[in-house]
Amino acid sequence: MRTMLSRLLASGAIMAGLLLATGAPAAAQTTIDINPGSTNKTAAEVRQMCVPGLGGGPYVGQDVWVFNLPGDPQITGVFESVTATFDTPDGPLTVTIPDDGGAIVDHEGTSKAWIILPAGYTLLDATAVISGSADFFVLTHTCAAIQPTPTPTPTPTGQPTPTPTATPTQPPTPTSPPTGQPTPTRTHLPVTGESSISTLVPLLTLGMASIVTGAALLCLRRRRS
């Protein structure tokens, strides 16, 4: 009886040591699906956050995808791996985190998984292997790619800028006769002589005398003949 009791106590001590060493029995792995509301979207169509500990960014030509396992990690568990399928210009592409890139981290109290992929992919579906009892996980945010800064085109040298030619000014239309050419005016000849009565009387007297003298000479001539 004592031997049986000693064996039970020894077994209990061994189990207690294992519990203290591991903290809890190992949880069975579970595969869950992503929330359907997180699918069929490009990185640019999701909430934007660029976090240094979750892939960083933004990057030229690359998108950062970040998945989150909601709940208490002690109950809902943590990510063991995340497998996502994307639609790309070359057809569907399936990647697994962390085997194909990215990382699984504990960030702000929950398990998160991130990966960096070429820009423009569309998330079609995703599954995750977890250590707890969560029913689903979500695409929490992305850091979409940015466009490269265009390189300015240099201005060619050795080509002087043409000087604009001034438009000739038209001379104004004259509104008055040019200076130096006076407008001709009509002039009247000056009136000479006097027309007073004092000048006419002597002339009349001289005329009458001439007439009388002529008549006398005419009568005299007739008598002689």
C-alpha atoms as a PDB file:
ATOM      1  CA  MET A   1       0.000   0.000   0.000  1.00  0.00           C
ATOM      2  CA  ARG A   2       2.781   2.333   0.906  1.00  0.00           C
ATOM      3  CA  THR A   3       4.597   1.418  -2.311  1.00  0.00           C
ATOM      4  CA  MET A   4       1.501   2.285  -4.400  1.00  0.00           C
ATOM      5  CA  LEU A   5       1.103   5.626  -2.569  1.00  0.00           C
ATOM      6  CA  SER A   6       4.762   6.465  -3.129  1.00  0.00           C
ATOM      7  CA  ARG A   7       4.391   5.768  -6.838  1.00  0.00           C
ATOM      8  CA  LEU A   8       1.329   8.018  -7.100  1.00  0.00           C
ATOM      9  CA  LEU A   9       3.120  10.827  -5.276  1.00  0.00           C
ATOM     10  CA  ALA A  10       6.114  10.462  -7.560  1.00  0.00           C
ATOM     11  CA  SER A  11       3.912  10.568 -10.665  1.00  0.00           C
ATOM     12  CA  GLY A  12       2.109  13.651  -9.336  1.00  0.00           C
ATOM     13  CA  ALA A  13       5.405  15.395  -8.683  1.00  0.00           C
ATOM     14  CA  ILE A  14       6.575  14.643 -12.219  1.00  0.00           C
ATOM     15  CA  MET A  15       3.313  16.022 -13.737  1.00  0.00           C
ATOM     16  CA  ALA A  16       3.542  19.115 -11.563  1.00  0.00           C
ATOM     17  CA  GLY A  17       7.105  19.689 -12.753  1.00  0.00           C
ATOM     18  CA  LEU A  18       6.036  19.387 -16.355  1.00  0.00           C
ATOM     19  CA  LEU A  19       3.214  21.848 -15.818  1.00  0.00           C
ATOM     20  CA  LEU A  20       5.565  24.330 -14.194  1.00  0.00           C
ATOM     21  CA  ALA A  21       8.070  23.911 -16.996  1.00  0.00           C
ATOM     22  CA  THR A  22       5.621  24.360 -19.850  1.00  0.00           C
ATOM     23  CA  GLY A  23       3.100  26.639 -18.127  1.00  0.00           C
ATOM     24  CA  ALA A  24       0.149  24.856 -19.763  1.00  0.00           C
ATOM     25  CA  PRO A  25      -0.562  21.836 -21.904  1.00  0.00           C
ATOM     26  CA  ALA A  26       0.259  22.334 -25.552  1.00  0.00           C
ATOM     27  CA  ALA A  27      -2.762  23.593 -27.481  1.00  0.00           C
ATOM     28  CA  ALA A  28      -3.772  21.810 -30.646  1.00  0.00           C
ATOM     29  CA  GLN A  29      -3.226  23.710 -33.918  1.00  0.00           C
ATOM     30  CA  THR A  30      -6.338  24.899 -35.748  1.00  0.00           C
ATOM     31  CA  THR A  31      -6.781  26.177 -39.310  1.00  0.00           C
ATOM     32  CA  ILE A  32      -9.195  29.084 -39.695  1.00  0.00           C
ATOM     33  CA  ASP A  33     -10.320  31.297 -42.593  1.00  0.00           C
ATOM     34  CA  ILE A  34     -10.029  35.033 -43.074  1.00  0.00           C
ATOM     35  CA  ASN A  35     -13.131  37.200 -42.601  1.00  0.00           C
ATOM     36  CA  PRO A  36     -14.772  37.425 -46.066  1.00  0.00           C
ATOM     37  CA  GLY A  37     -15.066  41.209 -45.676  1.00  0.00           C
ATOM     38  CA  SER A  38     -11.283  41.438 -45.991  1.00  0.00           C
ATOM     39  CA  THR A  39     -11.063  39.800 -49.422  1.00  0.00           C
ATOM     40  CA  ASN A  40     -11.380  40.988 -53.033  1.00  0.00           C
ATOM     41  CA  LYS A  41      -9.559  44.240 -52.281  1.00  0.00           C
ATOM     42  CA  THR A  42      -6.314  45.836 -53.357  1.00  0.00           C
ATOM     43  CA  ALA A  43      -3.969  47.370 -50.830  1.00  0.00           C
ATOM     44  CA  ALA A  44      -5.098  50.851 -51.854  1.00  0.00           C
ATOM     45  CA  GLU A  45      -8.717  49.990 -50.952  1.00  0.00           C
ATOM     46  CA  VAL A  46      -7.949  49.110 -47.316  1.00  0.00           C
ATOM     47  CA  ARG A  47      -7.288  51.278 -44.253  1.00  0.00           C
ATOM     48  CA  GLN A  48      -3.821  52.789 -44.623  1.00  0.00           C
ATOM     49  CA  MET A  49      -1.206  52.507 -41.845  1.00  0.00           C
ATOM     50  CA  CYS A  50       2.558  52.341 -42.296  1.00  0.00           C
ATOM     51  CA  VAL A  51       4.035  50.966 -39.053  1.00  0.00           C
ATOM     52  CA  PRO A  52       7.812  50.413 -38.666  1.00  0.00           C
ATOM     53  CA  GLY A  53       7.325  47.161 -36.696  1.00  0.00           C
ATOM     54  CA  LEU A  54       4.833  45.801 -39.218  1.00  0.00           C
ATOM     55  CA  GLY A  55       6.678  46.003 -42.515  1.00  0.00           C
ATOM     56  CA  GLY A  56       7.227  49.774 -42.499  1.00  0.00           C
ATOM     57  CA  GLY A  57       6.749  51.748 -45.697  1.00  0.00           C
ATOM     58  CA  PRO A  58       5.532  53.308 -47.780  1.00  0.00           C
ATOM     59  CA  TYR A  59       7.614  51.910 -50.616  1.00  0.00           C
ATOM     60  CA  VAL A  60       7.811  52.614 -54.333  1.00  0.00           C
ATOM     61  CA  GLY A  61       6.145  49.773 -56.237  1.00  0.00           C
ATOM     62  CA  GLN A  62       5.460  47.563 -53.172  1.00  0.00           C
ATOM     63  CA  ASP A  63       2.434  47.026 -50.901  1.00  0.00           C
ATOM     64  CA  VAL A  64       2.588  45.962 -47.238  1.00  0.00           C
ATOM     65  CA  TRP A  65      -0.186  43.570 -46.093  1.00  0.00           C
ATOM     66  CA  VAL A  66      -0.876  43.141 -42.332  1.00  0.00           C
ATOM     67  CA  PHE A  67      -3.149  40.412 -40.859  1.00  0.00           C
ATOM     68  CA  ASN A  68      -4.468  40.365 -37.281  1.00  0.00           C
ATOM     69  CA  LEU A  69      -5.780  37.599 -34.996  1.00  0.00           C
ATOM     70  CA  PRO A  70      -8.299  39.327 -32.684  1.00  0.00           C
ATOM     71  CA  GLY A  71      -8.830  38.407 -29.039  1.00  0.00           C
ATOM     72  CA  ASP A  72      -6.729  37.434 -26.055  1.00  0.00           C
ATOM     73  CA  PRO A  73      -3.686  35.399 -27.212  1.00  0.00           C
ATOM     74  CA  GLN A  74      -4.060  33.197 -24.101  1.00  0.00           C
ATOM     75  CA  ILE A  75      -7.480  32.077 -25.371  1.00  0.00           C
ATOM     76  CA  THR A  76      -7.814  32.771 -29.096  1.00  0.00           C
ATOM     77  CA  GLY A  77      -4.186  31.871 -29.724  1.00  0.00           C
ATOM     78  CA  VAL A  78      -1.466  33.237 -31.989  1.00  0.00           C
ATOM     79  CA  PHE A  79      -0.525  32.817 -35.647  1.00  0.00           C
ATOM     80  CA  GLU A  80       1.594  29.830 -36.519  1.00  0.00           C
ATOM     81  CA  SER A  81       1.431  30.663 -40.228  1.00  0.00           C
ATOM     82  CA  VAL A  82      -0.745  32.603 -42.693  1.00  0.00           C
ATOM     83  CA  THR A  83      -1.319  31.506 -46.292  1.00  0.00           C
ATOM     84  CA  ALA A  84      -2.837  34.063 -48.684  1.00  0.00           C
ATOM     85  CA  THR A  85      -3.813  33.888 -52.368  1.00  0.00           C
ATOM     86  CA  PHE A  86      -3.623  37.008 -54.555  1.00  0.00           C
ATOM     87  CA  ASP A  87      -4.771  37.869 -58.037  1.00  0.00           C
ATOM     88  CA  THR A  88      -1.821  39.240 -60.039  1.00  0.00           C
ATOM     89  CA  PRO A  89      -1.231  40.270 -63.667  1.00  0.00           C
ATOM     90  CA  ASP A  90       0.440  36.859 -64.166  1.00  0.00           C
ATOM     91  CA  GLY A  91      -2.383  34.882 -62.541  1.00  0.00           C
ATOM     92  CA  PRO A  92      -3.120  33.681 -58.964  1.00  0.00           C
ATOM     93  CA  LEU A  93      -0.204  33.703 -56.513  1.00  0.00           C
ATOM     94  CA  THR A  94      -0.166  31.926 -53.113  1.00  0.00           C
ATOM     95  CA  VAL A  95       2.317  32.934 -50.412  1.00  0.00           C
ATOM     96  CA  THR A  96       2.850  31.717 -46.840  1.00  0.00           C
ATOM     97  CA  ILE A  97       4.042  33.875 -43.949  1.00  0.00           C
ATOM     98  CA  PRO A  98       6.792  33.538 -42.755  1.00  0.00           C
ATOM     99  CA  ASP A  99       8.093  30.909 -45.222  1.00  0.00           C
ATOM    100  CA  ASP A 100       7.777  33.199 -48.276  1.00  0.00           C
ATOM    101  CA  GLY A 101       8.647  36.441 -46.526  1.00  0.00           C
ATOM    102  CA  GLY A 102       7.348  38.761 -43.841  1.00  0.00           C
ATOM    103  CA  ALA A 103       7.067  37.844 -40.175  1.00  0.00           C
ATOM    104  CA  ILE A 104       4.695  36.913 -37.335  1.00  0.00           C
ATOM    105  CA  VAL A 105       4.926  39.259 -34.341  1.00  0.00           C
ATOM    106  CA  ASP A 106       3.155  40.160 -31.120  1.00  0.00           C
ATOM    107  CA  HIS A 107       2.074  43.762 -31.616  1.00  0.00           C
ATOM    108  CA  GLU A 108      -0.078  45.759 -29.156  1.00  0.00           C
ATOM    109  CA  GLY A 109      -1.371  42.618 -27.436  1.00  0.00           C
ATOM    110  CA  THR A 110      -2.445  40.572 -30.467  1.00  0.00           C
ATOM    111  CA  SER A 111      -0.732  38.276 -32.942  1.00  0.00           C
ATOM    112  CA  LYS A 112      -0.073  39.873 -36.334  1.00  0.00           C
ATOM    113  CA  ALA A 113       1.468  38.659 -39.587  1.00  0.00           C
ATOM    114  CA  TRP A 114       2.810  40.922 -42.379  1.00  0.00           C
ATOM    115  CA  ILE A 115       4.337  40.537 -45.829  1.00  0.00           C
ATOM    116  CA  ILE A 116       5.574  42.884 -48.592  1.00  0.00           C
ATOM    117  CA  LEU A 117       4.470  42.173 -52.183  1.00  0.00           C
ATOM    118  CA  PRO A 118       4.566  43.969 -55.548  1.00  0.00           C
ATOM    119  CA  ALA A 119       2.004  46.754 -55.850  1.00  0.00           C
ATOM    120  CA  GLY A 120      -1.428  46.206 -57.345  1.00  0.00           C
ATOM    121  CA  TYR A 121      -2.250  42.661 -56.170  1.00  0.00           C
ATOM    122  CA  THR A 122      -5.816  41.797 -55.083  1.00  0.00           C
ATOM    123  CA  LEU A 123      -6.370  39.569 -52.017  1.00  0.00           C
ATOM    124  CA  LEU A 124      -8.626  36.663 -53.010  1.00  0.00           C
ATOM    125  CA  ASP A 125      -8.541  34.391 -49.942  1.00  0.00           C
ATOM    126  CA  ALA A 126      -6.424  33.476 -46.899  1.00  0.00           C
ATOM    127  CA  THR A 127      -6.182  30.853 -44.164  1.00  0.00           C
ATOM    128  CA  ALA A 128      -4.166  30.728 -40.956  1.00  0.00           C
ATOM    129  CA  VAL A 129      -2.837  28.030 -38.668  1.00  0.00           C
ATOM    130  CA  ILE A 130      -3.258  29.193 -35.059  1.00  0.00           C
ATOM    131  CA  SER A 131      -2.607  27.855 -31.595  1.00  0.00           C
ATOM    132  CA  GLY A 132      -5.920  28.836 -29.988  1.00  0.00           C
ATOM    133  CA  SER A 133      -9.684  28.862 -30.413  1.00  0.00           C
ATOM    134  CA  ALA A 134     -10.254  31.923 -32.668  1.00  0.00           C
ATOM    135  CA  ASP A 135     -12.915  31.482 -35.330  1.00  0.00           C
ATOM    136  CA  PHE A 136     -11.443  33.855 -37.950  1.00  0.00           C
ATOM    137  CA  PHE A 137      -8.785  36.494 -38.578  1.00  0.00           C
ATOM    138  CA  VAL A 138      -8.804  39.776 -40.516  1.00  0.00           C
ATOM    139  CA  LEU A 139      -6.761  41.988 -42.822  1.00  0.00           C
ATOM    140  CA  THR A 140      -6.250  44.839 -40.354  1.00  0.00           C
ATOM    141  CA  HIS A 141      -4.560  47.392 -42.653  1.00  0.00           C
ATOM    142  CA  THR A 142      -2.109  47.893 -45.506  1.00  0.00           C
ATOM    143  CA  CYS A 143       0.587  50.350 -46.515  1.00  0.00           C
ATOM    144  CA  ALA A 144      -0.031  50.943 -50.231  1.00  0.00           C
ATOM    145  CA  ALA A 145       2.796  51.702 -52.634  1.00  0.00           C
ATOM    146  CA  ILE A 146       3.631  55.253 -53.646  1.00  0.00           C
ATOM    147  CA  GLN A 147       4.389  56.546 -57.116  1.00  0.00           C
ATOM    148  CA  PRO A 148       8.007  57.399 -57.946  1.00  0.00           C
ATOM    149  CA  THR A 149       8.868  61.094 -58.111  1.00  0.00           C
ATOM    150  CA  PRO A 150       9.174  62.108 -61.784  1.00  0.00           C
ATOM    151  CA  THR A 151      12.627  63.278 -62.839  1.00  0.00           C
ATOM    152  CA  PRO A 152      12.502  66.850 -64.185  1.00  0.00           C
ATOM    153  CA  THR A 153      13.494  67.200 -67.844  1.00  0.00           C
ATOM    154  CA  PRO A 154      16.611  69.390 -68.153  1.00  0.00           C
ATOM    155  CA  THR A 155      16.364  72.483 -70.314  1.00  0.00           C
ATOM    156  CA  PRO A 156      18.608  72.185 -73.436  1.00  0.00           C
ATOM    157  CA  THR A 157      21.604  74.523 -73.378  1.00  0.00           C
ATOM    158  CA  GLY A 158      23.047  76.524 -76.289  1.00  0.00           C
ATOM    159  CA  GLN A 159      19.672  77.642 -77.597  1.00  0.00           C
ATOM    160  CA  PRO A 160      19.205  81.331 -76.783  1.00  0.00           C
ATOM    161  CA  THR A 161      15.725  82.494 -76.121  1.00  0.00           C
ATOM    162  CA  PRO A 162      14.553  84.600 -79.111  1.00  0.00           C
ATOM    163  CA  THR A 163      13.944  88.265 -78.366  1.00  0.00           C
ATOM    164  CA  PRO A 164      10.399  89.285 -79.280  1.00  0.00           C
ATOM    165  CA  THR A 165      10.209  91.769 -82.196  1.00  0.00           C
ATOM    166  CA  ALA A 166       8.456  95.002 -81.365  1.00  0.00           C
ATOM    167  CA  THR A 167       5.422  95.849 -83.496  1.00  0.00           C
ATOM    168  CA  PRO A 168       6.007  99.125 -85.452  1.00  0.00           C
ATOM    169  CA  THR A 169       3.859 102.002 -84.291  1.00  0.00           C
ATOM    170  CA  GLN A 170       1.591 103.530 -86.979  1.00  0.00           C
ATOM    171  CA  PRO A 171       1.937 107.339 -87.421  1.00  0.00           C
ATOM    172  CA  PRO A 172      -1.082 109.237 -86.177  1.00  0.00           C
ATOM    173  CA  THR A 173      -3.524 110.616 -88.745  1.00  0.00           C
ATOM    174  CA  PRO A 174      -3.106 114.444 -88.960  1.00  0.00           C
ATOM    175  CA  THR A 175      -6.133 116.349 -87.868  1.00  0.00           C
ATOM    176  CA  SER A 176      -4.878 119.872 -88.872  1.00  0.00           C
ATOM    177  CA  PRO A 177      -2.814 121.271 -91.774  1.00  0.00           C
ATOM    178  CA  PRO A 178       0.926 120.747 -91.376  1.00  0.00           C
ATOM    179  CA  THR A 179       2.875 123.589 -89.849  1.00  0.00           C
ATOM    180  CA  GLY A 180       4.795 125.851 -92.278  1.00  0.00           C
ATOM    181  CA  GLN A 181       2.053 125.762 -94.958  1.00  0.00           C
ATOM    182  CA  PRO A 182      -0.357 128.578 -94.113  1.00  0.00           C
ATOM    183  CA  THR A 183      -3.834 128.451 -95.534  1.00  0.00           C
ATOM    184  CA  PRO A 184      -4.044 130.948 -98.496  1.00  0.00           C
ATOM    185  CA  THR A 185      -6.322 133.941 -97.975  1.00  0.00           C
ATOM    186  CA  ARG A 186      -7.850 136.272-100.617  1.00  0.00           C
ATOM    187  CA  THR A 187      -6.300 139.706-100.835  1.00  0.00           C
ATOM    188  CA  HIS A 188      -7.848 142.954-102.234  1.00  0.00           C
ATOM    189  CA  LEU A 189      -5.994 145.605-104.261  1.00  0.00           C
ATOM    190  CA  PRO A 190      -5.615 148.868-102.400  1.00  0.00           C
ATOM    191  CA  VAL A 191      -7.876 151.668-103.571  1.00  0.00           C
ATOM    192  CA  THR A 192      -5.811 154.658-104.718  1.00  0.00           C
ATOM    193  CA  GLY A 193      -6.802 158.235-105.353  1.00  0.00           C
ATOM    194  CA  GLU A 194      -9.396 160.464-103.778  1.00  0.00           C
ATOM    195  CA  SER A 195     -13.021 160.826-104.838  1.00  0.00           C
ATOM    196  CA  SER A 196     -13.779 164.005-102.990  1.00  0.00           C
ATOM    197  CA  ILE A 197     -15.647 166.967-104.705  1.00  0.00           C
ATOM    198  CA  SER A 198     -12.575 169.185-104.397  1.00  0.00           C
ATOM    199  CA  THR A 199     -10.719 167.117-106.984  1.00  0.00           C
ATOM    200  CA  LEU A 200     -13.692 166.799-109.423  1.00  0.00           C
ATOM    201  CA  VAL A 201     -14.445 170.521-109.842  1.00  0.00           C
ATOM    202  CA  PRO A 202     -11.129 171.490-111.483  1.00  0.00           C
ATOM    203  CA  LEU A 203     -11.413 168.582-113.844  1.00  0.00           C
ATOM    204  CA  LEU A 204     -14.937 169.554-114.898  1.00  0.00           C
ATOM    205  CA  THR A 205     -13.833 173.158-115.447  1.00  0.00           C
ATOM    206  CA  LEU A 206     -10.887 172.105-117.556  1.00  0.00           C
ATOM    207  CA  GLY A 207     -13.121 169.875-119.646  1.00  0.00           C
ATOM    208  CA  MET A 208     -15.693 172.537-120.280  1.00  0.00           C
ATOM    209  CA  ALA A 209     -12.960 175.004-121.304  1.00  0.00           C
ATOM    210  CA  SER A 210     -11.569 172.520-123.734  1.00  0.00           C
ATOM    211  CA  ILE A 211     -14.989 172.017-125.275  1.00  0.00           C
ATOM    212  CA  VAL A 212     -15.605 175.813-125.652  1.00  0.00           C
ATOM    213  CA  THR A 213     -12.168 176.350-127.150  1.00  0.00           C
ATOM    214  CA  GLY A 214     -12.697 173.591-129.646  1.00  0.00           C
ATOM    215  CA  ALA A 215     -16.049 174.947-130.665  1.00  0.00           C
ATOM    216  CA  ALA A 216     -14.597 178.467-131.159  1.00  0.00           C
ATOM    217  CA  LEU A 217     -11.812 177.133-133.273  1.00  0.00           C
ATOM    218  CA  LEU A 218     -14.309 175.173-135.372  1.00  0.00           C
ATOM    219  CA  CYS A 219     -16.476 178.281-136.019  1.00  0.00           C
ATOM    220  CA  LEU A 220     -13.451 180.341-136.898  1.00  0.00           C
ATOM    221  CA  ARG A 221     -12.338 177.817-139.431  1.00  0.00           C
ATOM    222  CA  ARG A 222     -15.691 177.730-141.074  1.00  0.00           C
ATOM    223  CA  ARG A 223     -15.759 181.524-141.497  1.00  0.00           C
ATOM    224  CA  ARG A 224     -12.435 181.555-143.247  1.00  0.00           C
ATOM    225  CA  SER A 225     -13.497 178.975-145.643  1.00  0.00           C
END
